[in-house]
Amino acid sequence: MHLQPIQSGHLRECSNLFVSVFSNPPWNETWKQEVALRRLKDCYNTPGSYGIVAIAENKIFGFAIGYAEAWHTDKHFYLKEMCVQSTNQRSGIGTQIMDVLHQDLASKGISMIYLLTMRDSPAAAFYEKCGFSNHPKITMMLKTA
């Protein structure tokens, strides 16, 4: 397995992986490939964008992508999307991606990574294992448009 920074040429394959992973439980989402590709391109084209892909035998098995944001004291990184091929989850690929991402971001002066994920899900348990925790003062709020 080779881990490297994500490039624009990876986005189509990443979008296929994204659709495949998020169509399964617990998400059961109905992404269209072209919408997923647009989402990843939007993230990739955001200033401060950075990501990691895990590649073996010329195939992407997982990726993480997000972008840095200025904060009043330093820079934070919003991890927008991360997924690992369903059949390869719990194999260490996600942990490797997170480790490399964390190291790379720290070397760029990023002091914090934050993300959104489904509460009480395998993904939440994974992020906790990687050292993430719920922030005691922040909640997510929604309003339909």
N, C-alpha and C. Protein backbone atom coordinates (compact mmCIF):
# COMPACT_ATOMS: atom_id res chain seq x y z
N MET A 1 0.86 -1.18 0.00
CA MET A 1 0.00 0.00 0.00
C MET A 1 0.90 1.23 0.00
N HIS A 2 0.60 2.14 -0.91
CA HIS A 2 1.35 3.39 -1.02
C HIS A 2 0.40 4.54 -0.70
N LEU A 3 0.82 5.43 0.19
CA LEU A 3 0.02 6.60 0.54
C LEU A 3 0.68 7.84 -0.03
N GLN A 4 -0.12 8.69 -0.65
CA GLN A 4 0.42 9.90 -1.27
C GLN A 4 -0.63 11.00 -1.25
N PRO A 5 -0.19 12.25 -1.43
CA PRO A 5 -1.16 13.35 -1.50
C PRO A 5 -2.14 13.14 -2.67
N ILE A 6 -3.38 13.48 -2.44
CA ILE A 6 -4.40 13.36 -3.47
C ILE A 6 -4.14 14.36 -4.58
N GLN A 7 -4.41 13.96 -5.81
CA GLN A 7 -4.26 14.82 -6.98
C GLN A 7 -5.58 14.83 -7.74
N SER A 8 -5.76 15.82 -8.60
CA SER A 8 -7.02 15.94 -9.34
C SER A 8 -7.33 14.69 -10.14
N GLY A 9 -6.30 14.02 -10.65
CA GLY A 9 -6.50 12.80 -11.42
C GLY A 9 -7.05 11.63 -10.61
N HIS A 10 -7.03 11.72 -9.30
CA HIS A 10 -7.57 10.67 -8.43
C HIS A 10 -9.07 10.83 -8.17
N LEU A 11 -9.61 12.01 -8.43
CA LEU A 11 -10.95 12.34 -7.95
C LEU A 11 -12.06 11.46 -8.53
N ARG A 12 -11.97 11.09 -9.79
CA ARG A 12 -13.02 10.25 -10.38
C ARG A 12 -13.06 8.89 -9.69
N GLU A 13 -11.90 8.26 -9.52
CA GLU A 13 -11.87 6.97 -8.84
C GLU A 13 -12.30 7.11 -7.38
N CYS A 14 -11.89 8.20 -6.73
CA CYS A 14 -12.33 8.44 -5.35
C CYS A 14 -13.85 8.60 -5.29
N SER A 15 -14.44 9.26 -6.28
CA SER A 15 -15.90 9.43 -6.27
C SER A 15 -16.61 8.10 -6.44
N ASN A 16 -16.06 7.21 -7.25
CA ASN A 16 -16.64 5.86 -7.39
C ASN A 16 -16.58 5.12 -6.06
N LEU A 17 -15.45 5.21 -5.38
CA LEU A 17 -15.29 4.58 -4.07
C LEU A 17 -16.26 5.19 -3.07
N PHE A 18 -16.38 6.49 -3.08
CA PHE A 18 -17.29 7.22 -2.19
C PHE A 18 -18.73 6.71 -2.35
N VAL A 19 -19.20 6.62 -3.59
CA VAL A 19 -20.57 6.14 -3.86
C VAL A 19 -20.74 4.72 -3.34
N SER A 20 -19.75 3.88 -3.60
CA SER A 20 -19.82 2.48 -3.16
C SER A 20 -19.88 2.37 -1.64
N VAL A 21 -19.01 3.07 -0.95
CA VAL A 21 -18.93 2.97 0.52
C VAL A 21 -20.19 3.54 1.17
N PHE A 22 -20.63 4.72 0.74
CA PHE A 22 -21.74 5.38 1.43
C PHE A 22 -23.11 4.86 1.01
N SER A 23 -23.15 3.91 0.07
CA SER A 23 -24.43 3.25 -0.24
C SER A 23 -24.70 2.09 0.73
N ASN A 24 -23.70 1.72 1.50
CA ASN A 24 -23.81 0.61 2.46
C ASN A 24 -24.23 1.12 3.84
N PRO A 25 -24.72 0.20 4.70
CA PRO A 25 -25.02 0.58 6.09
C PRO A 25 -23.74 1.07 6.79
N PRO A 26 -23.82 1.97 7.73
CA PRO A 26 -25.06 2.51 8.30
C PRO A 26 -25.60 3.71 7.54
N TRP A 27 -24.91 4.16 6.48
CA TRP A 27 -25.32 5.39 5.78
C TRP A 27 -26.50 5.16 4.84
N ASN A 28 -26.40 4.14 4.00
CA ASN A 28 -27.47 3.83 3.03
C ASN A 28 -27.86 5.06 2.20
N GLU A 29 -26.85 5.81 1.77
CA GLU A 29 -27.10 7.02 0.98
C GLU A 29 -27.17 6.69 -0.51
N THR A 30 -27.84 7.53 -1.27
CA THR A 30 -28.09 7.26 -2.69
C THR A 30 -27.36 8.28 -3.56
N TRP A 31 -26.05 8.33 -3.43
CA TRP A 31 -25.23 9.26 -4.22
C TRP A 31 -25.20 8.83 -5.68
N LYS A 32 -25.26 9.80 -6.58
CA LYS A 32 -24.97 9.58 -7.99
C LYS A 32 -23.48 9.89 -8.16
N GLN A 33 -22.82 9.16 -9.04
CA GLN A 33 -21.38 9.32 -9.20
C GLN A 33 -21.01 10.74 -9.57
N GLU A 34 -21.76 11.37 -10.48
CA GLU A 34 -21.41 12.72 -10.92
C GLU A 34 -21.58 13.75 -9.80
N VAL A 35 -22.53 13.52 -8.89
CA VAL A 35 -22.71 14.43 -7.75
C VAL A 35 -21.57 14.24 -6.75
N ALA A 36 -21.19 12.99 -6.52
CA ALA A 36 -20.06 12.71 -5.63
C ALA A 36 -18.78 13.32 -6.19
N LEU A 37 -18.59 13.20 -7.51
CA LEU A 37 -17.41 13.78 -8.14
C LEU A 37 -17.41 15.30 -7.97
N ARG A 38 -18.56 15.93 -8.16
CA ARG A 38 -18.65 17.39 -7.99
C ARG A 38 -18.31 17.77 -6.55
N ARG A 39 -18.80 17.00 -5.58
CA ARG A 39 -18.52 17.28 -4.17
C ARG A 39 -17.02 17.21 -3.89
N LEU A 40 -16.37 16.16 -4.39
CA LEU A 40 -14.93 16.01 -4.17
C LEU A 40 -14.14 17.09 -4.91
N LYS A 41 -14.57 17.44 -6.12
CA LYS A 41 -13.89 18.52 -6.86
C LYS A 41 -14.04 19.85 -6.12
N ASP A 42 -15.25 20.11 -5.60
CA ASP A 42 -15.45 21.35 -4.83
C ASP A 42 -14.49 21.42 -3.65
N CYS A 43 -14.35 20.31 -2.95
CA CYS A 43 -13.44 20.27 -1.80
C CYS A 43 -11.99 20.43 -2.26
N TYR A 44 -11.62 19.70 -3.32
CA TYR A 44 -10.25 19.75 -3.85
C TYR A 44 -9.88 21.18 -4.29
N ASN A 45 -10.84 21.90 -4.85
CA ASN A 45 -10.59 23.24 -5.36
C ASN A 45 -10.73 24.34 -4.31
N THR A 46 -11.05 23.98 -3.09
CA THR A 46 -11.13 24.95 -2.00
C THR A 46 -9.71 25.35 -1.58
N PRO A 47 -9.45 26.64 -1.38
CA PRO A 47 -8.12 27.03 -0.90
C PRO A 47 -7.76 26.26 0.37
N GLY A 48 -6.52 25.83 0.46
CA GLY A 48 -6.05 25.08 1.62
C GLY A 48 -6.38 23.60 1.57
N SER A 49 -6.88 23.14 0.41
CA SER A 49 -7.25 21.73 0.28
C SER A 49 -6.04 20.82 0.40
N TYR A 50 -6.27 19.67 1.03
CA TYR A 50 -5.23 18.65 1.13
C TYR A 50 -5.91 17.31 1.38
N GLY A 51 -5.29 16.26 0.89
CA GLY A 51 -5.83 14.93 1.11
C GLY A 51 -4.79 13.86 0.85
N ILE A 52 -5.15 12.65 1.23
CA ILE A 52 -4.29 11.48 1.09
C ILE A 52 -5.08 10.38 0.39
N VAL A 53 -4.43 9.66 -0.52
CA VAL A 53 -5.02 8.46 -1.11
C VAL A 53 -4.15 7.26 -0.76
N ALA A 54 -4.79 6.11 -0.57
CA ALA A 54 -4.09 4.84 -0.35
C ALA A 54 -4.25 4.03 -1.62
N ILE A 55 -3.12 3.71 -2.25
CA ILE A 55 -3.12 3.04 -3.55
C ILE A 55 -2.32 1.75 -3.47
N ALA A 56 -2.87 0.70 -4.07
CA ALA A 56 -2.15 -0.57 -4.24
C ALA A 56 -2.56 -1.13 -5.60
N GLU A 57 -1.59 -1.61 -6.34
CA GLU A 57 -1.84 -2.20 -7.65
C GLU A 57 -2.66 -1.26 -8.53
N ASN A 58 -2.31 0.03 -8.52
CA ASN A 58 -2.96 1.07 -9.32
C ASN A 58 -4.45 1.23 -9.01
N LYS A 59 -4.87 0.88 -7.81
CA LYS A 59 -6.27 1.01 -7.40
C LYS A 59 -6.31 1.77 -6.08
N ILE A 60 -7.27 2.70 -5.97
CA ILE A 60 -7.44 3.46 -4.73
C ILE A 60 -8.31 2.65 -3.78
N PHE A 61 -7.79 2.41 -2.58
CA PHE A 61 -8.50 1.65 -1.55
C PHE A 61 -9.09 2.55 -0.47
N GLY A 62 -8.65 3.80 -0.42
CA GLY A 62 -9.17 4.72 0.57
C GLY A 62 -8.63 6.12 0.33
N PHE A 63 -9.31 7.09 0.91
CA PHE A 63 -8.84 8.47 0.79
C PHE A 63 -9.42 9.32 1.92
N ALA A 64 -8.79 10.45 2.12
CA ALA A 64 -9.28 11.48 3.04
C ALA A 64 -9.00 12.82 2.37
N ILE A 65 -9.96 13.74 2.48
CA ILE A 65 -9.78 15.06 1.87
C ILE A 65 -10.50 16.12 2.71
N GLY A 66 -9.89 17.28 2.76
CA GLY A 66 -10.47 18.40 3.48
C GLY A 66 -9.70 19.66 3.15
N TYR A 67 -9.82 20.66 4.02
CA TYR A 67 -9.11 21.90 3.75
C TYR A 67 -8.82 22.66 5.04
N ALA A 68 -7.73 23.42 4.97
CA ALA A 68 -7.29 24.24 6.11
C ALA A 68 -8.10 25.52 6.15
N GLU A 69 -8.33 26.00 7.37
CA GLU A 69 -9.06 27.25 7.58
C GLU A 69 -8.30 28.10 8.60
N ALA A 70 -8.29 29.39 8.35
CA ALA A 70 -7.69 30.30 9.33
C ALA A 70 -8.57 30.34 10.56
N TRP A 71 -7.93 30.35 11.71
CA TRP A 71 -8.62 30.49 12.99
C TRP A 71 -7.95 31.66 13.70
N HIS A 72 -8.56 32.20 14.71
CA HIS A 72 -8.03 33.43 15.31
C HIS A 72 -6.62 33.25 15.88
N THR A 73 -6.24 32.04 16.25
CA THR A 73 -4.91 31.84 16.82
C THR A 73 -3.99 31.01 15.93
N ASP A 74 -4.54 30.24 15.00
CA ASP A 74 -3.73 29.33 14.20
C ASP A 74 -4.55 28.83 13.02
N LYS A 75 -4.25 27.65 12.50
CA LYS A 75 -5.01 27.06 11.40
C LYS A 75 -5.61 25.73 11.83
N HIS A 76 -6.84 25.50 11.43
CA HIS A 76 -7.53 24.23 11.67
C HIS A 76 -7.79 23.56 10.32
N PHE A 77 -8.05 22.27 10.35
CA PHE A 77 -8.31 21.50 9.13
C PHE A 77 -9.65 20.81 9.26
N TYR A 78 -10.53 21.07 8.31
CA TYR A 78 -11.84 20.42 8.26
C TYR A 78 -11.72 19.17 7.39
N LEU A 79 -11.75 18.01 8.01
CA LEU A 79 -11.72 16.74 7.29
C LEU A 79 -13.12 16.52 6.73
N LYS A 80 -13.28 16.82 5.46
CA LYS A 80 -14.61 16.83 4.84
C LYS A 80 -15.11 15.43 4.51
N GLU A 81 -14.24 14.60 3.95
CA GLU A 81 -14.64 13.24 3.56
C GLU A 81 -13.49 12.27 3.79
N MET A 82 -13.85 11.08 4.20
CA MET A 82 -12.89 9.99 4.33
C MET A 82 -13.63 8.69 4.13
N CYS A 83 -13.04 7.78 3.39
CA CYS A 83 -13.63 6.45 3.28
C CYS A 83 -12.58 5.44 2.85
N VAL A 84 -12.86 4.20 3.19
CA VAL A 84 -12.03 3.05 2.82
C VAL A 84 -12.97 2.03 2.20
N GLN A 85 -12.50 1.40 1.14
CA GLN A 85 -13.30 0.37 0.46
C GLN A 85 -13.91 -0.57 1.50
N SER A 86 -15.18 -0.84 1.37
CA SER A 86 -15.93 -1.61 2.38
C SER A 86 -15.26 -2.93 2.73
N THR A 87 -14.78 -3.66 1.74
CA THR A 87 -14.17 -4.97 1.99
C THR A 87 -12.81 -4.87 2.66
N ASN A 88 -12.24 -3.66 2.72
CA ASN A 88 -10.93 -3.47 3.35
C ASN A 88 -11.00 -2.66 4.63
N GLN A 89 -12.20 -2.36 5.11
CA GLN A 89 -12.31 -1.67 6.39
C GLN A 89 -11.85 -2.60 7.51
N ARG A 90 -11.33 -2.00 8.57
CA ARG A 90 -10.77 -2.72 9.72
C ARG A 90 -9.50 -3.50 9.36
N SER A 91 -8.82 -3.05 8.31
CA SER A 91 -7.57 -3.70 7.91
C SER A 91 -6.35 -2.83 8.20
N GLY A 92 -6.58 -1.62 8.71
CA GLY A 92 -5.47 -0.72 9.02
C GLY A 92 -5.27 0.38 7.99
N ILE A 93 -5.96 0.31 6.85
CA ILE A 93 -5.78 1.33 5.81
C ILE A 93 -6.23 2.70 6.32
N GLY A 94 -7.39 2.76 6.95
CA GLY A 94 -7.88 4.04 7.47
C GLY A 94 -6.95 4.64 8.50
N THR A 95 -6.42 3.81 9.37
CA THR A 95 -5.48 4.29 10.39
C THR A 95 -4.21 4.83 9.73
N GLN A 96 -3.72 4.14 8.71
CA GLN A 96 -2.54 4.62 7.98
C GLN A 96 -2.83 5.97 7.34
N ILE A 97 -3.99 6.10 6.71
CA ILE A 97 -4.36 7.37 6.08
C ILE A 97 -4.39 8.48 7.13
N MET A 98 -5.03 8.21 8.26
CA MET A 98 -5.13 9.23 9.32
C MET A 98 -3.76 9.59 9.87
N ASP A 99 -2.90 8.60 10.06
CA ASP A 99 -1.55 8.86 10.59
C ASP A 99 -0.76 9.77 9.65
N VAL A 100 -0.78 9.45 8.35
CA VAL A 100 -0.04 10.26 7.38
C VAL A 100 -0.66 11.65 7.27
N LEU A 101 -1.98 11.72 7.23
CA LEU A 101 -2.65 13.01 7.16
C LEU A 101 -2.28 13.87 8.37
N HIS A 102 -2.34 13.30 9.55
CA HIS A 102 -2.00 14.03 10.78
C HIS A 102 -0.57 14.55 10.74
N GLN A 103 0.37 13.69 10.34
CA GLN A 103 1.78 14.10 10.26
C GLN A 103 1.97 15.22 9.24
N ASP A 104 1.37 15.05 8.05
CA ASP A 104 1.52 16.06 7.00
C ASP A 104 0.92 17.40 7.43
N LEU A 105 -0.25 17.36 8.05
CA LEU A 105 -0.89 18.60 8.48
C LEU A 105 -0.11 19.28 9.59
N ALA A 106 0.41 18.50 10.53
CA ALA A 106 1.23 19.07 11.61
C ALA A 106 2.45 19.78 11.03
N SER A 107 3.05 19.19 9.99
CA SER A 107 4.23 19.81 9.37
C SER A 107 3.87 21.10 8.62
N LYS A 108 2.59 21.28 8.31
CA LYS A 108 2.11 22.49 7.64
C LYS A 108 1.60 23.53 8.64
N GLY A 109 1.75 23.26 9.93
CA GLY A 109 1.34 24.20 10.95
C GLY A 109 -0.13 24.12 11.35
N ILE A 110 -0.80 23.05 10.99
CA ILE A 110 -2.20 22.85 11.37
C ILE A 110 -2.22 22.35 12.82
N SER A 111 -3.00 23.01 13.66
CA SER A 111 -3.01 22.63 15.08
C SER A 111 -4.18 21.73 15.46
N MET A 112 -5.22 21.66 14.61
CA MET A 112 -6.39 20.87 14.96
C MET A 112 -7.08 20.36 13.70
N ILE A 113 -7.58 19.13 13.78
CA ILE A 113 -8.41 18.54 12.72
C ILE A 113 -9.80 18.35 13.31
N TYR A 114 -10.82 18.75 12.57
CA TYR A 114 -12.19 18.50 13.03
C TYR A 114 -13.00 17.90 11.89
N LEU A 115 -14.10 17.25 12.24
CA LEU A 115 -14.92 16.55 11.25
C LEU A 115 -16.33 16.36 11.77
N LEU A 116 -17.21 15.94 10.87
CA LEU A 116 -18.57 15.54 11.21
C LEU A 116 -18.72 14.07 10.85
N THR A 117 -19.38 13.30 11.70
CA THR A 117 -19.67 11.90 11.38
C THR A 117 -20.93 11.47 12.11
N MET A 118 -21.46 10.34 11.70
CA MET A 118 -22.68 9.83 12.31
C MET A 118 -22.41 9.36 13.73
N ARG A 119 -23.21 9.84 14.67
CA ARG A 119 -23.08 9.47 16.07
C ARG A 119 -23.30 7.96 16.23
N ASP A 120 -22.57 7.35 17.16
CA ASP A 120 -22.72 5.93 17.51
C ASP A 120 -22.56 5.00 16.30
N SER A 121 -21.67 5.35 15.40
CA SER A 121 -21.43 4.54 14.20
C SER A 121 -20.03 3.93 14.26
N PRO A 122 -19.76 2.95 13.39
CA PRO A 122 -18.39 2.44 13.30
C PRO A 122 -17.39 3.55 12.96
N ALA A 123 -17.82 4.52 12.15
CA ALA A 123 -16.92 5.63 11.81
C ALA A 123 -16.58 6.44 13.05
N ALA A 124 -17.57 6.72 13.90
CA ALA A 124 -17.31 7.47 15.13
C ALA A 124 -16.33 6.72 16.02
N ALA A 125 -16.52 5.41 16.13
CA ALA A 125 -15.60 4.59 16.93
C ALA A 125 -14.19 4.63 16.35
N PHE A 126 -14.08 4.59 15.02
CA PHE A 126 -12.78 4.68 14.36
C PHE A 126 -12.09 6.01 14.70
N TYR A 127 -12.82 7.11 14.56
CA TYR A 127 -12.22 8.41 14.83
C TYR A 127 -11.81 8.54 16.30
N GLU A 128 -12.59 8.00 17.20
CA GLU A 128 -12.21 8.01 18.62
C GLU A 128 -10.92 7.23 18.82
N LYS A 129 -10.79 6.09 18.14
CA LYS A 129 -9.56 5.29 18.22
C LYS A 129 -8.36 6.08 17.71
N CYS A 130 -8.61 6.98 16.75
CA CYS A 130 -7.54 7.81 16.19
C CYS A 130 -7.27 9.06 17.02
N GLY A 131 -7.95 9.20 18.16
CA GLY A 131 -7.67 10.31 19.06
C GLY A 131 -8.65 11.46 19.01
N PHE A 132 -9.69 11.37 18.20
CA PHE A 132 -10.71 12.42 18.14
C PHE A 132 -11.66 12.28 19.33
N SER A 133 -12.27 13.39 19.72
CA SER A 133 -13.26 13.36 20.79
C SER A 133 -14.33 14.40 20.50
N ASN A 134 -15.48 14.25 21.15
CA ASN A 134 -16.54 15.25 21.01
C ASN A 134 -16.14 16.52 21.73
N HIS A 135 -16.39 17.65 21.10
CA HIS A 135 -16.10 18.94 21.72
C HIS A 135 -17.23 19.28 22.68
N PRO A 136 -16.91 19.61 23.92
CA PRO A 136 -17.96 19.84 24.92
C PRO A 136 -18.79 21.11 24.69
N LYS A 137 -18.29 22.05 23.88
CA LYS A 137 -18.99 23.32 23.71
C LYS A 137 -19.63 23.50 22.33
N ILE A 138 -19.47 22.52 21.44
CA ILE A 138 -19.95 22.70 20.08
C ILE A 138 -20.99 21.65 19.74
N THR A 139 -22.04 22.08 19.06
CA THR A 139 -23.07 21.17 18.57
C THR A 139 -23.33 21.50 17.10
N MET A 140 -23.84 20.54 16.36
CA MET A 140 -24.22 20.79 14.98
C MET A 140 -25.70 21.17 14.96
N MET A 141 -26.01 22.25 14.25
CA MET A 141 -27.39 22.71 14.15
C MET A 141 -27.79 22.77 12.68
N LEU A 142 -29.03 22.44 12.38
CA LEU A 142 -29.53 22.41 11.00
C LEU A 142 -30.83 23.18 10.90
N LYS A 143 -31.09 23.71 9.70
CA LYS A 143 -32.37 24.31 9.38
C LYS A 143 -32.62 24.07 7.89
N THR A 144 -33.78 23.58 7.55
CA THR A 144 -34.07 23.33 6.15
C THR A 144 -34.26 24.66 5.43
N ALA A 145 -33.85 24.68 4.17
CA ALA A 145 -33.94 25.91 3.37
C ALA A 145 -35.25 25.95 2.60
